[in-house]
Protein backbone atom coordinates (compact mmCIF):
# COMPACT_ATOMS: atom_id res chain seq x y z
CA MET A 1 34.17 23.31 -51.58
CA ALA A 2 33.51 21.30 -48.37
CA ARG A 3 30.28 21.85 -46.52
CA ASP A 4 30.63 23.62 -43.17
CA PHE A 5 29.25 21.38 -40.42
CA VAL A 6 29.75 21.51 -36.67
CA SER A 7 32.36 18.88 -35.88
CA CYS A 8 31.29 15.62 -34.23
CA GLU A 9 34.44 14.10 -32.71
CA ARG A 10 33.19 11.38 -30.35
CA GLY A 11 36.75 10.31 -29.59
CA GLN A 12 37.78 13.79 -28.46
CA MET A 13 39.45 13.73 -25.04
CA TRP A 14 38.63 16.30 -22.34
CA LEU A 15 41.49 18.53 -21.28
CA MET A 16 39.68 19.27 -18.02
CA PRO A 17 37.05 16.81 -16.72
CA PRO A 18 33.57 18.37 -16.69
CA SER A 19 31.49 18.82 -13.54
CA VAL A 20 28.19 16.98 -13.35
CA THR A 21 26.58 20.25 -12.26
CA GLU A 22 27.14 21.54 -15.80
CA TRP A 23 25.21 18.72 -17.46
CA LEU A 24 21.68 19.87 -16.57
CA PRO A 25 19.93 23.26 -16.61
CA SER A 26 19.46 25.04 -13.30
CA ASP A 27 15.68 24.51 -13.33
CA HIS A 28 15.86 20.73 -13.79
CA LEU A 29 13.83 18.51 -11.46
CA VAL A 30 17.00 16.77 -10.25
CA TRP A 31 18.13 19.87 -8.38
CA THR A 32 14.76 20.10 -6.62
CA VAL A 33 15.00 16.44 -5.58
CA LEU A 34 18.58 16.79 -4.32
CA GLY A 35 17.75 20.03 -2.51
CA ALA A 36 14.71 18.45 -0.87
CA VAL A 37 16.68 15.38 0.23
CA ASP A 38 19.36 17.62 1.74
CA GLN A 39 16.69 19.27 3.92
CA MET A 40 15.26 15.98 5.18
CA ASP A 41 16.34 14.23 8.36
CA LEU A 42 17.29 10.81 6.97
CA ASP A 43 19.29 9.47 9.90
CA ARG A 44 16.75 6.67 10.24
CA PHE A 45 18.00 5.21 6.95
CA CYS A 46 21.55 4.99 8.29
CA GLU A 47 20.67 2.85 11.30
CA GLY A 48 21.61 -0.80 10.99
CA TYR A 49 24.74 -0.27 8.92
CA ARG A 50 28.05 -1.41 10.37
CA LEU A 51 30.39 1.05 12.04
CA GLY A 52 34.16 0.98 11.70
CA GLY A 53 34.41 0.31 7.99
CA ALA A 54 34.28 -3.49 8.22
CA GLY A 55 33.26 -5.21 5.00
CA ARG A 56 32.42 -3.73 1.63
CA PRO A 57 31.22 -0.09 1.83
CA ALA A 58 27.49 0.37 1.28
CA TYR A 59 25.99 3.01 -0.97
CA ASP A 60 25.05 6.21 0.84
CA PRO A 61 21.38 5.81 1.87
CA ARG A 62 20.77 9.49 1.06
CA MET A 63 21.85 8.86 -2.52
CA LEU A 64 19.54 5.85 -2.82
CA VAL A 65 16.64 7.85 -1.33
CA ALA A 66 17.22 10.61 -3.90
CA LEU A 67 17.40 7.98 -6.65
CA LEU A 68 14.08 6.40 -5.64
CA ILE A 69 12.34 9.77 -5.36
CA TYR A 70 13.57 10.95 -8.76
CA ALA A 71 12.76 7.60 -10.41
CA TYR A 72 9.20 7.56 -9.04
CA ALA A 73 8.73 11.19 -10.05
CA ARG A 74 9.59 10.13 -13.60
CA GLY A 75 7.26 7.12 -13.45
CA SER A 76 10.09 4.57 -13.27
CA ARG A 77 9.58 1.98 -10.51
CA SER A 78 11.23 -1.19 -11.79
CA SER A 79 14.59 -1.71 -10.10
CA ARG A 80 16.04 -3.01 -13.38
CA GLN A 81 14.74 -0.01 -15.27
CA ILE A 82 16.22 2.31 -12.65
CA GLU A 83 19.59 0.54 -12.92
CA ARG A 84 19.51 0.90 -16.71
CA SER A 85 18.77 4.62 -16.38
CA CYS A 86 21.75 5.03 -14.04
CA TRP A 87 23.94 3.83 -16.91
CA GLU A 88 22.22 5.72 -19.74
CA ASP A 89 20.41 8.83 -18.42
CA VAL A 90 22.35 11.98 -17.55
CA ALA A 91 19.83 13.05 -14.89
CA TYR A 92 20.16 9.70 -13.12
CA LYS A 93 23.96 9.95 -13.33
CA VAL A 94 23.79 13.33 -11.61
CA THR A 95 21.44 11.95 -8.95
CA CYS A 96 23.81 9.05 -8.22
CA ALA A 97 27.01 11.13 -8.57
CA MET A 98 28.14 8.74 -11.34
CA ARG A 99 27.55 5.68 -9.14
CA THR A 100 25.62 2.77 -10.68
CA PRO A 101 23.88 0.64 -8.02
CA ASP A 102 22.55 -2.59 -9.47
CA HIS A 103 18.90 -3.57 -9.42
CA SER A 104 19.27 -6.00 -6.52
CA THR A 105 20.77 -3.23 -4.36
CA ILE A 106 17.90 -0.89 -5.24
CA ALA A 107 15.24 -3.55 -4.60
CA GLU A 108 16.81 -4.64 -1.30
CA PHE A 109 17.09 -1.04 -0.11
CA ARG A 110 13.42 -0.47 -0.89
CA ARG A 111 12.42 -3.67 0.89
CA ARG A 112 14.68 -3.10 3.90
CA HIS A 113 13.48 0.44 4.54
CA GLU A 114 9.74 0.08 3.88
CA SER A 115 8.64 1.93 7.01
CA ASP A 116 11.29 4.62 6.55
CA ILE A 117 10.28 5.23 2.92
CA LYS A 118 6.64 5.71 3.98
CA GLU A 119 7.80 8.61 6.16
CA LEU A 120 9.17 10.38 3.07
CA PHE A 121 5.57 11.42 2.42
CA ASP A 122 5.61 13.34 5.71
CA ASP A 123 9.03 14.81 4.91
CA VAL A 124 7.89 16.17 1.54
CA LEU A 125 4.61 17.40 3.01
CA GLY A 126 6.66 19.36 5.55
CA LEU A 127 8.60 21.03 2.73
CA CYS A 128 5.31 21.91 1.03
CA GLN A 129 4.09 23.39 4.31
CA GLU A 130 7.19 25.60 4.52
CA ALA A 131 6.54 26.74 0.95
CA GLY A 132 2.97 27.75 1.83
CA LEU A 133 1.28 25.05 -0.26
CA VAL A 134 -0.52 23.21 2.56
CA SER A 135 -3.73 25.21 2.84
CA VAL A 136 -6.79 23.69 4.50
CA GLY A 137 -9.65 25.66 3.03
CA VAL A 138 -11.51 23.01 1.04
CA ILE A 139 -10.46 19.36 1.15
CA ALA A 140 -11.50 16.97 -1.63
CA ILE A 141 -11.60 13.22 -0.99
CA ASP A 142 -11.74 10.60 -3.71
CA GLY A 143 -10.56 7.10 -4.55
CA THR A 144 -9.23 5.36 -7.62
CA LYS A 145 -8.70 1.70 -8.45
CA ILE A 146 -5.08 0.74 -9.09
CA LYS A 147 -4.42 -2.70 -10.53
CA ALA A 148 -2.68 -5.20 -8.29
CA ASN A 149 0.26 -7.30 -9.43
CA ALA A 150 -1.98 -10.34 -9.77
CA SER A 151 -4.13 -12.09 -12.35
CA MET A 152 -7.80 -12.89 -11.89
CA ASP A 153 -7.00 -16.39 -13.14
CA GLN A 154 -5.37 -17.01 -9.75
CA ASN A 155 -8.65 -16.57 -7.83
CA ARG A 156 -9.73 -19.74 -6.06
CA THR A 157 -12.65 -20.88 -3.92
CA TYR A 158 -12.04 -22.82 -0.74
CA GLN A 159 -13.01 -26.08 -2.44
CA GLY A 160 -10.73 -25.25 -5.37
CA ILE A 161 -7.81 -24.67 -2.99
CA VAL A 162 -8.44 -27.97 -1.19
CA ASP A 163 -8.63 -29.84 -4.52
CA GLU A 164 -5.36 -28.28 -5.71
CA ILE A 165 -3.59 -29.12 -2.43
CA LEU A 166 -4.73 -32.75 -2.77
CA ARG A 167 -3.61 -32.90 -6.40
CA GLU A 168 -0.18 -31.54 -5.50
CA ALA A 169 0.12 -34.05 -2.64
CA GLU A 170 -0.72 -36.92 -5.00
CA GLU A 171 1.80 -35.63 -7.54
CA THR A 172 4.47 -35.39 -4.83
CA ASP A 173 3.80 -38.99 -3.77
CA ARG A 174 4.07 -40.15 -7.38
CA ARG A 175 7.41 -38.39 -7.92
CA GLU A 176 8.82 -39.76 -4.65
CA ASP A 177 7.76 -43.28 -5.64
CA GLU A 178 9.62 -42.87 -8.92
CA LEU A 179 12.69 -41.45 -7.17
CA TYR A 180 12.97 -43.72 -4.12
CA GLY A 181 10.81 -46.70 -5.02
CA GLU A 182 7.40 -47.68 -3.68
CA ASP A 183 8.84 -49.67 -0.76
CA ARG A 184 11.17 -46.90 0.52
CA ARG A 185 10.51 -43.66 2.39
CA GLY A 186 13.47 -41.74 0.99
CA ASP A 187 14.91 -40.80 4.39
CA GLU A 188 16.93 -43.96 4.98
CA LEU A 189 20.50 -43.42 6.17
CA PRO A 190 23.33 -43.71 3.62
CA GLU A 191 25.44 -46.84 3.77
CA GLN A 192 28.38 -45.10 5.52
CA LEU A 193 26.15 -43.87 8.39
CA ARG A 194 24.56 -47.18 9.29
CA THR A 195 27.30 -48.15 11.76
CA PRO A 196 28.22 -46.42 15.06
CA GLU A 197 31.76 -45.83 13.85
CA GLY A 198 30.61 -44.21 10.62
CA ARG A 199 28.12 -41.92 12.41
CA LYS A 200 30.78 -40.85 14.94
CA ALA A 201 33.26 -39.96 12.21
CA ALA A 202 30.64 -37.96 10.28
CA LEU A 203 29.60 -36.01 13.39
CA GLU A 204 33.19 -35.12 14.26
CA GLU A 205 33.79 -33.89 10.72
CA ALA A 206 30.59 -31.80 10.84
CA LYS A 207 31.61 -30.24 14.19
CA ARG A 208 35.02 -29.34 12.79
CA ARG A 209 33.51 -27.61 9.74
CA LEU A 210 30.96 -25.76 11.89
CA ALA A 211 33.70 -24.44 14.20
CA GLU A 212 35.69 -23.17 11.22
CA ARG A 213 32.62 -21.45 9.77
CA LYS A 214 31.84 -19.70 13.08
CA GLN A 215 35.37 -18.34 13.28
CA ARG A 216 35.06 -16.83 9.79
CA ALA A 217 31.50 -15.45 10.05
CA PRO A 218 30.79 -12.21 12.04
CA GLN A 219 28.06 -12.15 14.67
CA SER A 220 24.80 -10.96 13.10
CA GLU A 221 22.65 -8.29 14.73
CA GLY A 222 19.48 -10.33 14.96
CA GLU A 223 21.06 -13.51 16.36
CA GLY A 224 19.37 -14.87 19.44
CA ARG A 225 15.97 -13.25 18.86
CA ASP A 226 12.77 -15.19 19.29
CA PRO A 227 11.49 -15.66 15.72
CA GLY A 228 7.92 -15.97 16.85
CA ALA A 229 7.82 -13.01 19.22
CA ALA A 230 6.38 -10.58 16.66
CA GLY A 231 3.96 -12.99 15.06
CA ALA A 232 1.73 -13.94 17.97
CA GLU A 233 -1.84 -14.67 16.94
CA MET A 234 -4.55 -12.20 17.90
CA GLU A 235 -8.04 -13.31 18.85
CA MET A 236 -11.05 -11.60 17.34
CA ALA A 237 -13.44 -9.98 19.81
CA PRO A 238 -16.59 -9.20 17.81
CA ASP A 239 -18.48 -7.79 20.78
CA ARG A 240 -16.07 -4.86 21.09
CA PHE A 241 -16.81 -3.44 17.65
CA VAL A 242 -20.32 -4.66 16.73
CA THR A 243 -22.25 -3.00 19.55
CA HIS A 244 -23.99 -0.40 17.40
CA HIS A 245 -27.56 -0.73 16.15
CA GLY A 246 -27.81 -2.14 12.65
CA GLY A 247 -28.85 -5.12 10.59
CA ARG A 248 -27.01 -8.38 10.26
CA ARG A 249 -25.35 -7.23 7.03
CA ASN A 250 -23.89 -4.18 8.78
CA TRP A 251 -22.46 -6.39 11.51
CA PHE A 252 -20.82 -8.65 8.93
CA ARG A 253 -19.35 -5.64 7.14
CA GLU A 254 -17.90 -4.15 10.33
CA ALA A 255 -16.47 -7.52 11.40
CA ARG A 256 -14.85 -7.93 8.01
CA ARG A 257 -13.27 -4.48 8.22
CA GLU A 258 -11.94 -5.19 11.70
CA LEU A 259 -10.41 -8.41 10.43
CA GLU A 260 -8.73 -6.53 7.56
CA ARG A 261 -7.38 -3.94 10.03
CA ARG A 262 -5.93 -6.77 12.10
CA ARG A 263 -4.27 -8.26 9.05
CA GLU A 264 -2.88 -4.87 8.12
CA ARG A 265 -1.34 -4.49 11.58
CA GLU A 266 0.19 -7.96 11.39
CA GLY A 267 1.64 -7.32 7.93
CA ARG A 268 2.35 -10.97 7.19
CA PRO A 269 4.47 -11.33 4.02
CA ILE A 270 3.17 -13.23 1.01
CA ALA A 271 4.70 -16.69 0.75
CA ARG A 272 7.02 -17.34 -2.18
CA GLU A 273 6.33 -21.04 -2.74
CA ARG A 274 3.01 -22.01 -4.29
CA GLU A 275 2.36 -24.73 -1.72
CA GLU A 276 2.72 -22.19 1.09
CA ARG A 277 0.46 -19.72 -0.75
CA LEU A 278 -2.24 -22.39 -1.10
CA LEU A 279 -2.12 -23.16 2.62
CA ASP A 280 -2.15 -19.45 3.50
CA ALA A 281 -5.13 -18.82 1.20
CA ALA A 282 -7.05 -21.69 2.80
CA ARG A 283 -6.20 -20.34 6.26
CA ARG A 284 -7.47 -16.86 5.31
CA LEU A 285 -10.77 -18.20 4.01
CA GLU A 286 -11.18 -20.32 7.15
CA GLU A 287 -10.44 -17.23 9.25
CA ASP A 288 -13.05 -15.24 7.30
CA HIS A 289 -15.56 -18.02 7.85
CA GLN A 290 -14.91 -18.22 11.59
CA VAL A 291 -15.31 -14.45 12.01
CA HIS A 292 -18.57 -14.70 10.03
CA LEU A 293 -19.87 -17.39 12.40
CA ASP A 294 -18.74 -15.52 15.53
CA THR A 295 -20.32 -12.28 14.34
CA ASN A 296 -23.60 -14.01 13.53
CA GLU A 297 -23.66 -15.52 17.02
CA GLN A 298 -23.03 -12.08 18.55
CA TYR A 299 -25.82 -10.57 16.45
CA GLU A 300 -28.30 -13.28 17.44
CA ARG A 301 -27.43 -12.77 21.12
CA TYR A 302 -27.82 -9.00 20.70
CA ARG A 303 -31.28 -9.33 19.16
CA ARG A 304 -32.43 -11.73 21.87
CA ARG A 305 -31.96 -8.92 24.39
CA GLY A 306 -35.06 -7.27 22.92
CA VAL A 307 -33.68 -3.71 23.06
CA ASP A 308 -30.80 -1.90 21.36
CA LYS A 309 -28.04 -0.02 23.16
CA THR A 310 -30.25 3.08 23.47
CA GLY A 311 -33.04 1.12 25.18
CA ARG A 312 -35.32 1.16 22.14
CA ARG A 313 -37.29 -2.06 21.60
CA PHE A 314 -36.65 -4.01 18.44
CA GLY A 315 -39.43 -4.44 15.91
CA SER A 316 -40.07 -7.69 14.11
CA PRO A 317 -37.57 -10.49 14.76
CA PRO A 318 -34.78 -10.93 12.22
CA LYS A 319 -35.22 -13.29 9.30
CA ARG A 320 -34.02 -16.81 9.85
CA TYR A 321 -30.40 -17.13 8.71
CA GLN A 322 -28.38 -20.28 8.22
CA PRO A 323 -24.62 -19.58 8.10
CA PRO A 324 -22.68 -21.42 5.38
CA GLU A 325 -21.01 -24.67 6.39
CA LEU A 326 -17.86 -24.00 4.34
CA PRO A 327 -15.94 -20.76 3.72
CA GLU A 328 -17.45 -18.75 0.89
CA GLY A 329 -15.95 -16.31 -1.58
CA LYS A 330 -12.68 -16.38 -3.50
CA ILE A 331 -9.12 -15.39 -2.74
CA ASN A 332 -6.23 -14.61 -5.06
CA LEU A 333 -3.19 -16.85 -4.71
CA SER A 334 -0.73 -14.29 -6.13
CA ASP A 335 -1.88 -11.37 -3.95
CA PRO A 336 -4.39 -12.48 -1.29
CA ASP A 337 -4.85 -8.91 -0.03
CA SER A 338 -6.16 -7.64 -3.39
CA ARG A 339 -9.81 -7.78 -4.43
CA VAL A 340 -11.81 -8.00 -7.64
CA MET A 341 -12.91 -4.43 -8.34
CA ARG A 342 -14.84 -2.77 -11.11
CA THR A 343 -14.38 0.67 -12.61
CA GLN A 344 -17.01 2.23 -14.83
CA GLY A 345 -16.33 1.35 -18.44
CA THR A 346 -13.65 -1.28 -17.71
CA PRO A 347 -13.84 -5.03 -17.02
CA PRO A 348 -13.31 -6.37 -13.47
CA ARG A 349 -9.70 -6.74 -12.34
CA GLN A 350 -7.60 -7.50 -9.27
CA ALA A 351 -6.98 -4.13 -7.67
CA TYR A 352 -6.70 -1.94 -4.59
CA ASN A 353 -8.72 1.17 -3.82
CA ALA A 354 -6.32 4.10 -3.36
CA GLN A 355 -7.91 6.84 -1.22
CA THR A 356 -6.51 10.38 -1.25
CA ALA A 357 -7.35 13.72 0.32
CA VAL A 358 -6.23 16.82 -1.59
CA ASN A 359 -6.30 20.56 -0.95
CA GLU A 360 -7.00 23.32 -3.47
CA ARG A 361 -3.32 23.50 -4.46
CA GLN A 362 -3.47 19.84 -5.55
CA ILE A 363 -1.21 18.82 -2.67
CA ILE A 364 -1.98 15.30 -1.42
CA LEU A 365 -2.55 15.55 2.34
CA ALA A 366 -3.33 11.87 2.98
CA ALA A 367 -3.03 8.67 0.95
CA GLU A 368 -4.22 5.24 2.06
CA VAL A 369 -4.67 1.86 0.36
CA THR A 370 -7.90 -0.01 1.14
CA VAL A 371 -9.26 -3.39 0.09
CA ASP A 372 -12.88 -2.20 -0.13
CA ALA A 373 -14.10 -1.79 -3.69
CA ALA A 374 -16.63 0.87 -2.64
CA ASP A 375 -15.77 4.31 -1.25
CA PHE A 376 -18.61 4.02 1.27
CA GLY A 377 -17.34 4.20 4.83
CA HIS A 378 -14.03 5.93 4.04
CA LEU A 379 -15.14 9.55 4.43
CA GLN A 380 -14.44 10.00 8.15
CA PRO A 381 -11.31 7.79 8.25
CA MET A 382 -9.73 9.86 5.46
CA PHE A 383 -10.84 13.08 7.16
CA GLU A 384 -9.26 12.00 10.47
CA THR A 385 -6.07 10.86 8.72
CA THR A 386 -5.83 14.24 7.00
CA LEU A 387 -6.14 16.09 10.30
CA GLN A 388 -3.43 13.88 11.81
CA GLN A 389 -1.10 14.60 8.88
CA LEU A 390 -1.70 18.33 9.19
CA ALA A 391 -1.18 18.26 12.97
CA ARG A 392 2.26 16.67 12.47
CA HIS A 393 3.29 19.83 10.65
CA GLY A 394 1.76 22.26 13.12
CA VAL A 395 -1.49 22.91 11.23
CA GLU A 396 -4.29 22.81 13.79
CA GLU A 397 -6.82 24.70 11.67
CA LEU A 398 -9.88 22.72 10.60
CA PRO A 399 -10.89 22.68 6.92
CA GLU A 400 -13.67 24.97 5.81
CA ALA A 401 -15.39 22.21 3.85
CA VAL A 402 -14.98 18.61 2.72
CA VAL A 403 -16.28 17.61 -0.71
CA ALA A 404 -16.64 14.11 -2.15
CA ASP A 405 -18.73 12.27 -4.72
CA ALA A 406 -21.95 10.34 -4.07
CA GLY A 407 -20.12 7.11 -3.24
CA TYR A 408 -19.02 8.60 0.10
CA TRP A 409 -22.53 9.30 1.39
CA HIS A 410 -22.57 7.98 4.95
CA THR A 411 -25.07 9.76 7.17
CA THR A 412 -23.37 9.03 10.50
CA GLN A 413 -19.89 9.97 9.29
CA MET A 414 -21.17 13.15 7.66
CA GLN A 415 -22.90 14.19 10.88
CA ASN A 416 -19.74 13.48 12.87
CA ILE A 417 -17.74 15.80 10.61
CA THR A 418 -20.33 18.59 10.50
CA GLY A 419 -20.56 18.34 14.29
CA ARG A 420 -16.98 19.64 14.40
CA GLY A 421 -17.91 22.74 12.43
CA VAL A 422 -16.76 21.51 9.01
CA GLU A 423 -19.16 21.73 6.08
CA VAL A 424 -19.68 18.52 4.09
CA LEU A 425 -20.81 18.57 0.46
CA ILE A 426 -21.76 15.20 -1.02
CA PRO A 427 -24.54 14.75 -3.58
CA PRO A 428 -27.12 12.18 -2.45
CA ASP A 429 -27.48 10.91 -6.02
CA GLY A 430 -24.81 9.90 -8.53
CA THR A 431 -24.57 11.57 -11.93
CA MET A 432 -25.77 8.40 -13.68
CA ARG A 433 -29.05 8.22 -11.74
CA GLU A 434 -32.26 9.70 -13.11
CA GLY A 435 -34.34 11.08 -10.27
CA ASN A 436 -33.87 10.63 -6.54
CA ARG A 437 -33.28 7.37 -4.74
CA PRO A 438 -36.44 5.87 -3.22
CA GLY A 439 -36.86 7.08 0.35
CA TRP A 440 -34.18 9.74 -0.06
CA GLU A 441 -36.50 12.71 -0.33
CA ASN A 442 -36.48 14.50 3.01
CA GLY A 443 -34.22 15.28 5.94
CA LEU A 444 -30.49 15.42 5.28
CA TYR A 445 -30.99 14.41 1.65
CA ALA A 446 -33.21 17.38 0.92
CA GLN A 447 -30.89 19.71 2.85
CA MET A 448 -27.88 18.55 0.85
CA ARG A 449 -29.67 18.96 -2.49
CA GLU A 450 -30.68 22.47 -1.49
CA ARG A 451 -27.14 23.31 -0.33
CA LEU A 452 -25.64 22.05 -3.59
CA SER A 453 -28.13 24.07 -5.62
CA THR A 454 -26.82 27.38 -4.21
CA GLU A 455 -24.12 29.33 -6.05
CA ARG A 456 -21.59 28.60 -3.32
CA GLY A 457 -22.43 24.90 -3.27
CA LYS A 458 -22.17 24.65 -7.03
CA GLU A 459 -18.82 26.43 -7.05
CA LEU A 460 -17.32 24.30 -4.26
CA TYR A 461 -18.44 21.06 -5.86
CA ARG A 462 -17.30 22.20 -9.31
CA ARG A 463 -13.83 22.84 -7.91
CA ARG A 464 -13.70 19.25 -6.65
CA LYS A 465 -13.48 17.97 -10.22
CA ILE A 466 -10.60 20.27 -11.12
CA THR A 467 -8.82 19.66 -7.81
CA ILE A 468 -8.60 15.93 -7.19
CA GLU A 469 -9.50 14.21 -10.45
CA PRO A 470 -6.56 15.70 -12.43
CA ILE A 471 -4.22 14.18 -9.84
CA TYR A 472 -5.20 10.68 -10.88
CA GLY A 473 -4.69 11.63 -14.51
CA GLN A 474 -1.20 12.91 -13.75
CA ILE A 475 -0.30 9.81 -11.74
CA LYS A 476 -1.93 7.06 -13.81
CA TYR A 477 -1.45 8.40 -17.33
CA ASN A 478 1.31 11.02 -17.38
CA ARG A 479 3.56 9.01 -15.05
CA ARG A 480 2.15 5.61 -16.13
CA ILE A 481 1.62 4.45 -12.55
CA ASN A 482 -1.52 2.40 -13.13
CA GLN A 483 -0.42 -0.84 -11.45
CA PHE A 484 1.37 -1.67 -8.24
CA MET A 485 4.74 -3.36 -8.79
CA ARG A 486 4.79 -5.40 -5.58
CA ARG A 487 2.29 -7.67 -3.88
CA GLY A 488 0.48 -7.32 -0.58
CA ARG A 489 -1.33 -4.42 1.01
CA ALA A 490 1.73 -3.24 2.95
CA ALA A 491 3.83 -3.09 -0.22
CA ALA A 492 1.01 -1.32 -2.09
CA GLN A 493 0.75 1.21 0.75
CA LEU A 494 4.49 1.86 0.49
CA GLU A 495 4.21 2.47 -3.25
CA LEU A 496 1.22 4.78 -2.87
CA LYS A 497 3.00 6.83 -0.20
CA LEU A 498 6.05 7.21 -2.41
CA VAL A 499 3.90 8.07 -5.43
CA ALA A 500 2.06 10.71 -3.36
CA ALA A 501 5.35 12.11 -2.04
CA THR A 502 6.78 12.47 -5.54
CA HIS A 503 3.54 14.04 -6.76
CA ASN A 504 3.83 16.67 -4.03
CA LEU A 505 7.49 17.17 -4.88
CA LEU A 506 6.59 17.83 -8.51
CA LYS A 507 4.09 20.47 -7.34
CA LEU A 508 6.78 21.95 -5.10
CA HIS A 509 9.20 22.01 -8.04
CA SER A 510 6.66 23.87 -10.19
CA HIS A 511 6.03 26.31 -7.34
CA TRP A 512 9.74 27.04 -6.93
CA ILE A 513 10.22 27.49 -10.67
CA THR A 514 7.30 29.89 -11.07
CA SER A 515 8.15 31.86 -7.91
CA THR A 516 11.73 32.47 -9.07
CA ALA A 517 10.87 33.18 -12.70
């Protein structure tokens, strides 16, 4: 007697073609993504495409936006991996409506719409606000190191860059000597162009081909623009940001941060050719060095005044300081914006510091990429960014409290926040320290220790660990997003915004599922 098995006829034809809506359960994440995209105003993605149907039709930008959001939510960021999933994964097929964009289309769409994709974070945050998930009771701020797409082996000093440029120049000369001969430049005219008649015939032929090409090619949108209009150099003005009282080291730190802000605004792309990257790295180190010299001159002039900006007389004169003659430090040739950063228990690596602000519902309210290894100095900027994000969605209410770990202790910034009626809870001492820091016994330090020793303080700070730290576990380990795919701070910022948007969308999906269960 034959065994009774369920038949497996892979060659069976369908009498009626199935609908893609029948392929996935009703509570699948895909439906949340598609529903969210339908509610977003994505007209900005459609700008720049041709009208009138000329040329090959482009993929619907709304479909590509949904594809990127779903892929990032599943931890898939490689354009080739996304393309493969569009061929093999049912959920991706539903997202793309059975279309299969290739990896170059996906990568070009992501590159072309960088600024538009960043705004998806605001779009998703608005949906979370409508769902009642954007509360502002207690805000937790923290940072995590995310590896850059660069190797530490590509770090170079200024002298190392100069030596490599000279070696490459010598190698180029040697190859040209082998190719053209030692007594020739290599730019001599061919035999047929050495007479007036030959040159005239060649020019007429070139003009004819150019005219034919212009007749065939459509007029491009950007033709006639000044290529250098957006890249004008900006001059540093140290005296407009280093006017506060502080030591020489503080002035150098503030000048460095202002320089990084300027570079962020400029958003210069990373060169593709190694020779260009070497020259750009040398230029950056020279720029750092010049800002260092200018800031030191400003500081010396400031101290010679004898009084600070409040009229208080200075004490002992500053120690004698001799600025370096050559640029110091190292820069990475693969990703010059990244920095060598350390995380407790792991070796140093090229990375960025991803700063986030989160509410008690584990909704990311703000996400920013910084190049500072330490969290010091980012408390108030993240607080202000959070308020700006909330204001965009009509939330004018101030948080009840802001909590952060000991790395964010910054007396001035803490006082600025508490001056607006918001409680700040930051331990003066890290968990690894035994005893108090020298000189940190009284004043604000003692007040904070006393505040954190109360039942309310203990409870608020305990909730910080279960509010913001699990987010990094979900992003870096569950979704395997522990390295940026692209290079440069602007590209890393784009990735972080999209990662934060998809994190919030996953929380929104869970909220919708539980509320309808």
